[in-house]
Amino acid sequence: TLRKFISDRGKIRARRVTGVTVQEQRKIAKAVKNAREMALLPYTSSAR
């Protein structure tokens, strides 16, 4: 799932944190942004 690539604040995790390649990170970022547009993932989390 995409949840493991997103922080608890709703931001996309850095490549050095997740341990993926540059190409994989680009695909993840695109997938997360698509999921956000389709309202499957939040843009930000409300945890404050």
PDB file of N, CA and C in Angstrom:
ATOM      1  N   THR A   1       0.839  -1.196   0.000  1.00  0.00           N
ATOM      2  CA  THR A   1       0.000   0.000   0.000  1.00  0.00           C
ATOM      3  C   THR A   1       0.875   1.247   0.000  1.00  0.00           C
ATOM      4  N   LEU A   2       0.268   2.366  -0.301  1.00  0.00           N
ATOM      5  CA  LEU A   2       1.000   3.633  -0.344  1.00  0.00           C
ATOM      6  C   LEU A   2       1.196   4.239   1.043  1.00  0.00           C
ATOM      7  N   ARG A   3       0.450   3.746   2.028  1.00  0.00           N
ATOM      8  CA  ARG A   3       0.514   4.321   3.380  1.00  0.00           C
ATOM      9  C   ARG A   3       1.927   4.289   3.970  1.00  0.00           C
ATOM     10  N   LYS A   4       2.703   3.249   3.640  1.00  0.00           N
ATOM     11  CA  LYS A   4       4.044   3.156   4.231  1.00  0.00           C
ATOM     12  C   LYS A   4       5.014   4.179   3.647  1.00  0.00           C
ATOM     13  N   PHE A   5       4.621   4.845   2.557  1.00  0.00           N
ATOM     14  CA  PHE A   5       5.454   5.882   1.957  1.00  0.00           C
ATOM     15  C   PHE A   5       5.005   7.278   2.362  1.00  0.00           C
ATOM     16  N   ILE A   6       4.040   7.360   3.287  1.00  0.00           N
ATOM     17  CA  ILE A   6       3.516   8.643   3.735  1.00  0.00           C
ATOM     18  C   ILE A   6       3.719   8.769   5.241  1.00  0.00           C
ATOM     19  N   SER A   7       4.190   9.930   5.678  1.00  0.00           N
ATOM     20  CA  SER A   7       4.415  10.159   7.106  1.00  0.00           C
ATOM     21  C   SER A   7       3.080  10.339   7.820  1.00  0.00           C
ATOM     22  N   ASP A   8       3.140  10.379   9.145  1.00  0.00           N
ATOM     23  CA  ASP A   8       1.908  10.576   9.914  1.00  0.00           C
ATOM     24  C   ASP A   8       1.341  11.976   9.709  1.00  0.00           C
ATOM     25  N   ARG A   9       2.141  12.887   9.168  1.00  0.00           N
ATOM     26  CA  ARG A   9       1.670  14.235   8.845  1.00  0.00           C
ATOM     27  C   ARG A   9       1.065  14.308   7.447  1.00  0.00           C
ATOM     28  N   GLY A  10       1.149  13.207   6.692  1.00  0.00           N
ATOM     29  CA  GLY A  10       0.572  13.182   5.351  1.00  0.00           C
ATOM     30  C   GLY A  10       1.542  13.546   4.244  1.00  0.00           C
ATOM     31  N   LYS A  11       2.823  13.686   4.576  1.00  0.00           N
ATOM     32  CA  LYS A  11       3.822  14.039   3.569  1.00  0.00           C
ATOM     33  C   LYS A  11       4.484  12.776   3.033  1.00  0.00           C
ATOM     34  N   ILE A  12       4.944  12.841   1.783  1.00  0.00           N
ATOM     35  CA  ILE A  12       5.639  11.708   1.177  1.00  0.00           C
ATOM     36  C   ILE A  12       7.010  11.573   1.845  1.00  0.00           C
ATOM     37  N   ARG A  13       7.330  10.342   2.281  1.00  0.00           N
ATOM     38  CA  ARG A  13       8.607  10.113   2.961  1.00  0.00           C
ATOM     39  C   ARG A  13       9.779  10.228   1.987  1.00  0.00           C
ATOM     40  N   ALA A  14      10.927  10.639   2.522  1.00  0.00           N
ATOM     41  CA  ALA A  14      12.139  10.793   1.718  1.00  0.00           C
ATOM     42  C   ALA A  14      12.651   9.433   1.256  1.00  0.00           C
ATOM     43  N   ARG A  15      13.401   9.461   0.186  1.00  0.00           N
ATOM     44  CA  ARG A  15      13.964   8.255  -0.404  1.00  0.00           C
ATOM     45  C   ARG A  15      14.912   7.545   0.558  1.00  0.00           C
ATOM     46  N   ARG A  16      15.702   8.310   1.301  1.00  0.00           N
ATOM     47  CA  ARG A  16      16.653   7.697   2.241  1.00  0.00           C
ATOM     48  C   ARG A  16      15.944   7.032   3.406  1.00  0.00           C
ATOM     49  N   VAL A  17      14.710   7.451   3.685  1.00  0.00           N
ATOM     50  CA  VAL A  17      13.929   6.851   4.771  1.00  0.00           C
ATOM     51  C   VAL A  17      13.327   5.523   4.312  1.00  0.00           C
ATOM     52  N   THR A  18      12.773   5.508   3.091  1.00  0.00           N
ATOM     53  CA  THR A  18      12.099   4.313   2.588  1.00  0.00           C
ATOM     54  C   THR A  18      13.058   3.340   1.914  1.00  0.00           C
ATOM     55  N   GLY A  19      14.214   3.846   1.456  1.00  0.00           N
ATOM     56  CA  GLY A  19      15.211   2.974   0.836  1.00  0.00           C
ATOM     57  C   GLY A  19      14.866   2.537  -0.571  1.00  0.00           C
ATOM     58  N   VAL A  20      14.220   3.409  -1.342  1.00  0.00           N
ATOM     59  CA  VAL A  20      13.867   3.073  -2.724  1.00  0.00           C
ATOM     60  C   VAL A  20      14.788   3.811  -3.692  1.00  0.00           C
ATOM     61  N   THR A  21      14.781   3.385  -4.963  1.00  0.00           N
ATOM     62  CA  THR A  21      15.610   4.034  -5.976  1.00  0.00           C
ATOM     63  C   THR A  21      14.949   5.325  -6.445  1.00  0.00           C
ATOM     64  N   VAL A  22      15.695   6.108  -7.223  1.00  0.00           N
ATOM     65  CA  VAL A  22      15.184   7.380  -7.741  1.00  0.00           C
ATOM     66  C   VAL A  22      13.936   7.144  -8.595  1.00  0.00           C
ATOM     67  N   GLN A  23      14.013   6.136  -9.467  1.00  0.00           N
ATOM     68  CA  GLN A  23      12.884   5.837 -10.350  1.00  0.00           C
ATOM     69  C   GLN A  23      11.661   5.402  -9.553  1.00  0.00           C
ATOM     70  N   GLU A  24      11.887   4.562  -8.539  1.00  0.00           N
ATOM     71  CA  GLU A  24      10.777   4.104  -7.694  1.00  0.00           C
ATOM     72  C   GLU A  24      10.162   5.264  -6.930  1.00  0.00           C
ATOM     73  N   GLN A  25      11.007   6.192  -6.449  1.00  0.00           N
ATOM     74  CA  GLN A  25      10.506   7.341  -5.697  1.00  0.00           C
ATOM     75  C   GLN A  25       9.607   8.204  -6.580  1.00  0.00           C
ATOM     76  N   ARG A  26       9.998   8.380  -7.845  1.00  0.00           N
ATOM     77  CA  ARG A  26       9.182   9.169  -8.774  1.00  0.00           C
ATOM     78  C   ARG A  26       7.824   8.510  -8.981  1.00  0.00           C
ATOM     79  N   LYS A  27       7.832   7.178  -9.154  1.00  0.00           N
ATOM     80  CA  LYS A  27       6.571   6.446  -9.341  1.00  0.00           C
ATOM     81  C   LYS A  27       5.701   6.539  -8.094  1.00  0.00           C
ATOM     82  N   ILE A  28       6.321   6.435  -6.923  1.00  0.00           N
ATOM     83  CA  ILE A  28       5.591   6.536  -5.657  1.00  0.00           C
ATOM     84  C   ILE A  28       4.960   7.912  -5.528  1.00  0.00           C
ATOM     85  N   ALA A  29       5.745   8.960  -5.819  1.00  0.00           N
ATOM     86  CA  ALA A  29       5.241  10.332  -5.718  1.00  0.00           C
ATOM     87  C   ALA A  29       4.056  10.537  -6.651  1.00  0.00           C
ATOM     88  N   LYS A  30       4.170  10.026  -7.872  1.00  0.00           N
ATOM     89  CA  LYS A  30       3.081  10.164  -8.848  1.00  0.00           C
ATOM     90  C   LYS A  30       1.846   9.409  -8.371  1.00  0.00           C
ATOM     91  N   ALA A  31       2.056   8.196  -7.838  1.00  0.00           N
ATOM     92  CA  ALA A  31       0.942   7.378  -7.358  1.00  0.00           C
ATOM     93  C   ALA A  31       0.247   8.029  -6.164  1.00  0.00           C
ATOM     94  N   VAL A  32       1.033   8.600  -5.252  1.00  0.00           N
ATOM     95  CA  VAL A  32       0.467   9.264  -4.077  1.00  0.00           C
ATOM     96  C   VAL A  32      -0.354  10.475  -4.511  1.00  0.00           C
ATOM     97  N   LYS A  33       0.187  11.257  -5.445  1.00  0.00           N
ATOM     98  CA  LYS A  33      -0.520  12.449  -5.921  1.00  0.00           C
ATOM     99  C   LYS A  33      -1.814  12.074  -6.632  1.00  0.00           C
ATOM    100  N   ASN A  34      -1.776  10.984  -7.420  1.00  0.00           N
ATOM    101  CA  ASN A  34      -2.998  10.499  -8.071  1.00  0.00           C
ATOM    102  C   ASN A  34      -4.019  10.056  -7.031  1.00  0.00           C
ATOM    103  N   ALA A  35      -3.569   9.330  -6.017  1.00  0.00           N
ATOM    104  CA  ALA A  35      -4.461   8.846  -4.966  1.00  0.00           C
ATOM    105  C   ALA A  35      -5.078  10.009  -4.198  1.00  0.00           C
ATOM    106  N   ARG A  36      -4.296  11.069  -3.987  1.00  0.00           N
ATOM    107  CA  ARG A  36      -4.826  12.258  -3.311  1.00  0.00           C
ATOM    108  C   ARG A  36      -5.908  12.915  -4.151  1.00  0.00           C
ATOM    109  N   GLU A  37      -5.675  13.012  -5.460  1.00  0.00           N
ATOM    110  CA  GLU A  37      -6.674  13.618  -6.346  1.00  0.00           C
ATOM    111  C   GLU A  37      -7.966  12.818  -6.375  1.00  0.00           C
ATOM    112  N   MET A  38      -7.842  11.499  -6.280  1.00  0.00           N
ATOM    113  CA  MET A  38      -9.023  10.632  -6.293  1.00  0.00           C
ATOM    114  C   MET A  38      -9.642  10.490  -4.905  1.00  0.00           C
ATOM    115  N   ALA A  39      -9.148  11.264  -3.952  1.00  0.00           N
ATOM    116  CA  ALA A  39      -9.644  11.280  -2.569  1.00  0.00           C
ATOM    117  C   ALA A  39      -9.452   9.937  -1.863  1.00  0.00           C
ATOM    118  N   LEU A  40      -8.422   9.195  -2.248  1.00  0.00           N
ATOM    119  CA  LEU A  40      -8.103   7.939  -1.570  1.00  0.00           C
ATOM    120  C   LEU A  40      -7.121   8.174  -0.424  1.00  0.00           C
ATOM    121  N   LEU A  41      -6.344   9.258  -0.538  1.00  0.00           N
ATOM    122  CA  LEU A  41      -5.404   9.643   0.511  1.00  0.00           C
ATOM    123  C   LEU A  41      -5.613  11.113   0.840  1.00  0.00           C
ATOM    124  N   PRO A  42      -5.397  11.499   2.096  1.00  0.00           N
ATOM    125  CA  PRO A  42      -5.545  12.912   2.457  1.00  0.00           C
ATOM    126  C   PRO A  42      -4.352  13.736   1.967  1.00  0.00           C
ATOM    127  N   TYR A  43      -4.579  15.021   1.704  1.00  0.00           N
ATOM    128  CA  TYR A  43      -3.489  15.923   1.334  1.00  0.00           C
ATOM    129  C   TYR A  43      -2.620  16.191   2.548  1.00  0.00           C
ATOM    130  N   THR A  44      -3.252  16.398   3.694  1.00  0.00           N
ATOM    131  CA  THR A  44      -2.539  16.540   4.964  1.00  0.00           C
ATOM    132  C   THR A  44      -3.315  15.754   6.004  1.00  0.00           C
ATOM    133  N   SER A  45      -2.629  15.433   7.087  1.00  0.00           N
ATOM    134  CA  SER A  45      -3.358  14.740   8.146  1.00  0.00           C
ATOM    135  C   SER A  45      -3.792  15.759   9.187  1.00  0.00           C
ATOM    136  N   SER A  46      -4.812  15.440   9.926  1.00  0.00           N
ATOM    137  CA  SER A  46      -5.329  16.374  10.933  1.00  0.00           C
ATOM    138  C   SER A  46      -4.728  16.099  12.310  1.00  0.00           C
ATOM    139  N   ALA A  47      -3.662  15.288  12.366  1.00  0.00           N
ATOM    140  CA  ALA A  47      -3.008  15.000  13.644  1.00  0.00           C
ATOM    141  C   ALA A  47      -2.158  16.190  14.060  1.00  0.00           C
ATOM    142  N   ARG A  48      -2.602  16.930  15.056  1.00  0.00           N
ATOM    143  CA  ARG A  48      -1.843  18.105  15.515  1.00  0.00           C
ATOM    144  C   ARG A  48      -1.664  18.066  17.011  1.00  0.00           C
TER     145      ARG A  48
END
